[in-house]
Amino acid sequence: MDFKQSKTYNNLLTAYEKELELSAKYLIYRDIANREGFIEIGNIYEVTSRNNKEHARIWLRRLNEGKLPTTQEALTESTADELKMASEMYQGFSTIAKEEGYDDIAALFNGVSNIDFNHSSRFEKLRTNVANNQVFCKPEETLWICMQCGNIMSGLCAPDICPVCGFPNSYYRLFDEMIDY
């Protein structure tokens, strides 16, 4: 029997989707509990959300023959997912909401559609940077900031090791004066 046609495969897919759904919902519930002053309850929601995310990772690995996608593969998939949600799902939802007289909900669907178009574009840029080996190096000199200690360096590439805190270059990103000043 083809595994992808089996009930077990469909059960894994359902388990994966439900674990992700609960993980996200519990992060919202954590925020509510924290806002209402129930910090320990918020902490329990956060831990449970992480547990559910880990369960989803287990199911995703089983759905993909024991492998998780590489960053490059995940960015390619994420670009397509966000584009599909923006151009098909949310625009279709918006049309239906408008037809049914729910103009405020139609506007929300359109707003989220625009956000998802931006997400798709951002993921595509990141995918291109990974493919062209330009995450930690750029063709022209730029400023890099260590996300661990805040050290700012100038160069074509982020330093291999931060000279201040000793963290690897994976903790560096492009400096953005609108955020970092």
Foldseek 3Di string as FASTA:
>chain_A
DPPCPDVVLVVLVVLLVVLQVLLVVLQVVLVVCVVVPNNVSSVVSNVSSVVSNVSSVVSCCVNVVNDDDDLLVVLVVLLVVLLCCLPPVLQVVLVVCVVVPNNVVSVVSNVSSVVSNVSSVVSVVVSVCVVVVNFFFAPDWAWKAQQPPGDIDIDRGQDQAPPPPRHGSVRIGGDDVVPND
